[in-house]
Amino acid sequence: MPKAEGLLLPFDDASHIRADLLDTIPYNGEDQVIHLTYPEFSAVCPFSGLPDIANIIVTYVPSDKIVELKSLKYYYISFRNVGIYQEDMTNRVYRDLKTLLQPRSLYVKTIYNIRGGIEAVCEIGKTPKDKK
């Protein structure tokens, strides 16, 4: 069982993240930028065992499929009891969505609630504007 430093608070490891819940919908429209914001993300800090709460912003230009939103929410909820560092979580969401969608462009930004007086913001990928 993973263990937080100094105190035993049970949490799961990253094998409990459910990328298999993600589903897609076919897309054959024009290029468009899709912004998805989820302000209720939570996981567990594997160092302290305390909850990490974040706002996740996903921006992408689809190729031939888009993410089905209910499946995305279930995927996010699967992180709830997982001990994962903020940077690793951002990378994991980016990697899982990139694998699922194979989009023309993908950008993931996580904005974590302030803890200890520090606001953490993690960003990965390129916005559609960056590609031009």
C-alpha atoms as a PDB file:
ATOM      1  CA  MET A   1       0.000   0.000   0.000  1.00  0.00           C
ATOM      2  CA  PRO A   2       1.423   3.442  -0.863  1.00  0.00           C
ATOM      3  CA  LYS A   3       2.243   5.507   2.208  1.00  0.00           C
ATOM      4  CA  ALA A   4       2.334   9.269   2.774  1.00  0.00           C
ATOM      5  CA  GLU A   5       5.357  10.571   4.633  1.00  0.00           C
ATOM      6  CA  GLY A   6       4.794  10.610   8.390  1.00  0.00           C
ATOM      7  CA  LEU A   7       1.207   9.368   8.331  1.00  0.00           C
ATOM      8  CA  LEU A   8      -0.549   6.380   6.867  1.00  0.00           C
ATOM      9  CA  LEU A   9      -3.434   7.515   4.689  1.00  0.00           C
ATOM     10  CA  PRO A  10      -4.608   4.842   2.289  1.00  0.00           C
ATOM     11  CA  PHE A  11      -4.659   5.677  -1.399  1.00  0.00           C
ATOM     12  CA  ASP A  12      -4.365   3.784  -4.664  1.00  0.00           C
ATOM     13  CA  ASP A  13      -1.491   3.716  -7.128  1.00  0.00           C
ATOM     14  CA  ALA A  14      -1.658   4.858 -10.759  1.00  0.00           C
ATOM     15  CA  SER A  15      -2.835   1.431 -11.952  1.00  0.00           C
ATOM     16  CA  HIS A  16      -6.306   2.483 -10.743  1.00  0.00           C
ATOM     17  CA  ILE A  17      -6.589   5.267 -13.339  1.00  0.00           C
ATOM     18  CA  ARG A  18      -9.294   4.127 -15.754  1.00  0.00           C
ATOM     19  CA  ALA A  19      -8.291   5.246 -19.252  1.00  0.00           C
ATOM     20  CA  ASP A  20     -10.412   2.323 -20.466  1.00  0.00           C
ATOM     21  CA  LEU A  21     -13.491   4.381 -19.545  1.00  0.00           C
ATOM     22  CA  LEU A  22     -12.705   6.964 -22.232  1.00  0.00           C
ATOM     23  CA  ASP A  23     -14.891   6.785 -25.307  1.00  0.00           C
ATOM     24  CA  THR A  24     -15.067   8.722 -28.565  1.00  0.00           C
ATOM     25  CA  ILE A  25     -17.633  10.014 -31.035  1.00  0.00           C
ATOM     26  CA  PRO A  26     -16.845  10.174 -34.759  1.00  0.00           C
ATOM     27  CA  TYR A  27     -16.128  13.683 -36.055  1.00  0.00           C
ATOM     28  CA  ASN A  28     -15.986  14.763 -39.693  1.00  0.00           C
ATOM     29  CA  GLY A  29     -16.521  18.526 -39.457  1.00  0.00           C
ATOM     30  CA  GLU A  30     -14.262  21.452 -40.174  1.00  0.00           C
ATOM     31  CA  ASP A  31     -11.224  22.217 -38.031  1.00  0.00           C
ATOM     32  CA  GLN A  32     -12.391  23.712 -34.781  1.00  0.00           C
ATOM     33  CA  VAL A  33     -10.869  24.350 -31.384  1.00  0.00           C
ATOM     34  CA  ILE A  34     -12.584  22.497 -28.544  1.00  0.00           C
ATOM     35  CA  HIS A  35     -12.097  23.710 -24.957  1.00  0.00           C
ATOM     36  CA  LEU A  36     -13.130  21.429 -22.094  1.00  0.00           C
ATOM     37  CA  THR A  37     -12.920  22.696 -18.516  1.00  0.00           C
ATOM     38  CA  TYR A  38     -13.423  20.521 -15.444  1.00  0.00           C
ATOM     39  CA  PRO A  39     -13.138  22.453 -12.152  1.00  0.00           C
ATOM     40  CA  GLU A  40     -13.741  19.509  -9.792  1.00  0.00           C
ATOM     41  CA  PHE A  41     -10.693  17.310 -10.365  1.00  0.00           C
ATOM     42  CA  SER A  42      -9.211  15.610  -7.320  1.00  0.00           C
ATOM     43  CA  ALA A  43      -6.425  13.153  -6.633  1.00  0.00           C
ATOM     44  CA  VAL A  44      -4.147  12.506  -3.658  1.00  0.00           C
ATOM     45  CA  CYS A  45      -0.646  13.847  -3.123  1.00  0.00           C
ATOM     46  CA  PRO A  46       1.534  10.750  -2.658  1.00  0.00           C
ATOM     47  CA  PHE A  47       3.951  12.687  -0.451  1.00  0.00           C
ATOM     48  CA  SER A  48       1.487  14.162   2.050  1.00  0.00           C
ATOM     49  CA  GLY A  49      -1.586  11.989   1.475  1.00  0.00           C
ATOM     50  CA  LEU A  50      -3.666  15.158   1.275  1.00  0.00           C
ATOM     51  CA  PRO A  51      -6.158  15.814  -1.508  1.00  0.00           C
ATOM     52  CA  ASP A  52      -5.096  17.832  -4.531  1.00  0.00           C
ATOM     53  CA  ILE A  53      -7.937  19.770  -6.160  1.00  0.00           C
ATOM     54  CA  ALA A  54      -7.507  21.195  -9.643  1.00  0.00           C
ATOM     55  CA  ASN A  55      -9.179  22.824 -12.586  1.00  0.00           C
ATOM     56  CA  ILE A  56      -8.312  20.919 -15.784  1.00  0.00           C
ATOM     57  CA  ILE A  57      -8.484  22.692 -19.121  1.00  0.00           C
ATOM     58  CA  VAL A  58      -8.144  20.573 -22.267  1.00  0.00           C
ATOM     59  CA  THR A  59      -7.895  22.326 -25.623  1.00  0.00           C
ATOM     60  CA  TYR A  60      -7.730  20.331 -28.821  1.00  0.00           C
ATOM     61  CA  VAL A  61      -8.382  20.335 -32.533  1.00  0.00           C
ATOM     62  CA  PRO A  62      -9.912  16.972 -33.454  1.00  0.00           C
ATOM     63  CA  SER A  63      -8.885  14.830 -36.380  1.00  0.00           C
ATOM     64  CA  ASP A  64     -11.641  12.258 -36.911  1.00  0.00           C
ATOM     65  CA  LYS A  65     -13.049  11.805 -33.372  1.00  0.00           C
ATOM     66  CA  ILE A  66     -13.972  13.758 -30.267  1.00  0.00           C
ATOM     67  CA  VAL A  67     -14.074  12.636 -26.659  1.00  0.00           C
ATOM     68  CA  GLU A  68     -17.466  11.649 -25.253  1.00  0.00           C
ATOM     69  CA  LEU A  69     -17.945  13.936 -22.231  1.00  0.00           C
ATOM     70  CA  LYS A  70     -19.560  11.525 -19.775  1.00  0.00           C
ATOM     71  CA  SER A  71     -16.700   9.083 -20.317  1.00  0.00           C
ATOM     72  CA  LEU A  72     -14.211  11.913 -19.725  1.00  0.00           C
ATOM     73  CA  LYS A  73     -15.848  12.750 -16.396  1.00  0.00           C
ATOM     74  CA  TYR A  74     -15.749   9.096 -15.301  1.00  0.00           C
ATOM     75  CA  TYR A  75     -12.078   8.995 -16.306  1.00  0.00           C
ATOM     76  CA  TYR A  76     -11.347  12.093 -14.210  1.00  0.00           C
ATOM     77  CA  ILE A  77     -13.221  10.616 -11.251  1.00  0.00           C
ATOM     78  CA  SER A  78     -11.030   7.501 -11.427  1.00  0.00           C
ATOM     79  CA  PHE A  79      -8.126   9.674 -10.177  1.00  0.00           C
ATOM     80  CA  ARG A  80      -9.987  10.538  -6.958  1.00  0.00           C
ATOM     81  CA  ASN A  81      -8.208   8.025  -4.693  1.00  0.00           C
ATOM     82  CA  VAL A  82      -4.957   7.793  -6.659  1.00  0.00           C
ATOM     83  CA  GLY A  83      -1.693   9.077  -5.222  1.00  0.00           C
ATOM     84  CA  ILE A  84      -0.094  10.967  -8.105  1.00  0.00           C
ATOM     85  CA  TYR A  85       2.069  14.069  -8.300  1.00  0.00           C
ATOM     86  CA  GLN A  86       0.544  17.091 -10.034  1.00  0.00           C
ATOM     87  CA  GLU A  87       3.034  17.074 -12.884  1.00  0.00           C
ATOM     88  CA  ASP A  88       2.552  13.346 -13.468  1.00  0.00           C
ATOM     89  CA  MET A  89      -1.231  13.743 -13.487  1.00  0.00           C
ATOM     90  CA  THR A  90      -1.041  16.467 -16.134  1.00  0.00           C
ATOM     91  CA  ASN A  91       1.250  14.306 -18.245  1.00  0.00           C
ATOM     92  CA  ARG A  92      -1.011  11.262 -17.791  1.00  0.00           C
ATOM     93  CA  VAL A  93      -4.148  13.108 -18.940  1.00  0.00           C
ATOM     94  CA  TYR A  94      -2.253  14.493 -21.940  1.00  0.00           C
ATOM     95  CA  ARG A  95      -0.870  11.081 -22.887  1.00  0.00           C
ATOM     96  CA  ASP A  96      -4.211   9.264 -22.473  1.00  0.00           C
ATOM     97  CA  LEU A  97      -6.135  11.840 -24.528  1.00  0.00           C
ATOM     98  CA  LYS A  98      -3.458  11.962 -27.213  1.00  0.00           C
ATOM     99  CA  THR A  99      -3.548   8.173 -27.534  1.00  0.00           C
ATOM    100  CA  LEU A 100      -7.355   8.107 -27.595  1.00  0.00           C
ATOM    101  CA  LEU A 101      -8.009  10.987 -29.990  1.00  0.00           C
ATOM    102  CA  GLN A 102      -4.889  11.379 -32.135  1.00  0.00           C
ATOM    103  CA  PRO A 103      -5.891  15.063 -32.449  1.00  0.00           C
ATOM    104  CA  ARG A 104      -4.348  17.659 -34.757  1.00  0.00           C
ATOM    105  CA  SER A 105      -3.265  19.513 -31.622  1.00  0.00           C
ATOM    106  CA  LEU A 106      -3.685  18.990 -27.881  1.00  0.00           C
ATOM    107  CA  TYR A 107      -2.968  21.175 -24.855  1.00  0.00           C
ATOM    108  CA  VAL A 108      -3.644  20.288 -21.215  1.00  0.00           C
ATOM    109  CA  LYS A 109      -3.424  22.807 -18.388  1.00  0.00           C
ATOM    110  CA  THR A 110      -4.007  22.042 -14.713  1.00  0.00           C
ATOM    111  CA  ILE A 111      -4.447  24.779 -12.144  1.00  0.00           C
ATOM    112  CA  TYR A 112      -4.228  23.428  -8.628  1.00  0.00           C
ATOM    113  CA  ASN A 113      -5.786  25.028  -5.571  1.00  0.00           C
ATOM    114  CA  ILE A 114      -3.268  27.000  -3.557  1.00  0.00           C
ATOM    115  CA  ARG A 115      -1.569  24.900  -0.904  1.00  0.00           C
ATOM    116  CA  GLY A 116       1.068  26.226   1.457  1.00  0.00           C
ATOM    117  CA  GLY A 117       0.806  29.613  -0.252  1.00  0.00           C
ATOM    118  CA  ILE A 118       1.898  28.209  -3.612  1.00  0.00           C
ATOM    119  CA  GLU A 119      -0.258  27.959  -6.713  1.00  0.00           C
ATOM    120  CA  ALA A 120       0.850  25.189  -9.058  1.00  0.00           C
ATOM    121  CA  VAL A 121       0.031  25.365 -12.771  1.00  0.00           C
ATOM    122  CA  CYS A 122       1.150  22.606 -15.127  1.00  0.00           C
ATOM    123  CA  GLU A 123       0.928  22.827 -18.932  1.00  0.00           C
ATOM    124  CA  ILE A 124       1.786  20.357 -21.657  1.00  0.00           C
ATOM    125  CA  GLY A 125       1.288  20.319 -25.411  1.00  0.00           C
ATOM    126  CA  LYS A 126       0.632  23.039 -27.919  1.00  0.00           C
ATOM    127  CA  THR A 127      -2.392  25.225 -28.321  1.00  0.00           C
ATOM    128  CA  PRO A 128      -3.729  25.681 -31.856  1.00  0.00           C
ATOM    129  CA  LYS A 129      -2.247  29.202 -31.795  1.00  0.00           C
ATOM    130  CA  ASP A 130       1.216  27.769 -31.012  1.00  0.00           C
ATOM    131  CA  LYS A 131       1.164  25.689 -34.201  1.00  0.00           C
ATOM    132  CA  LYS A 132       0.864  28.676 -36.533  1.00  0.00           C
END
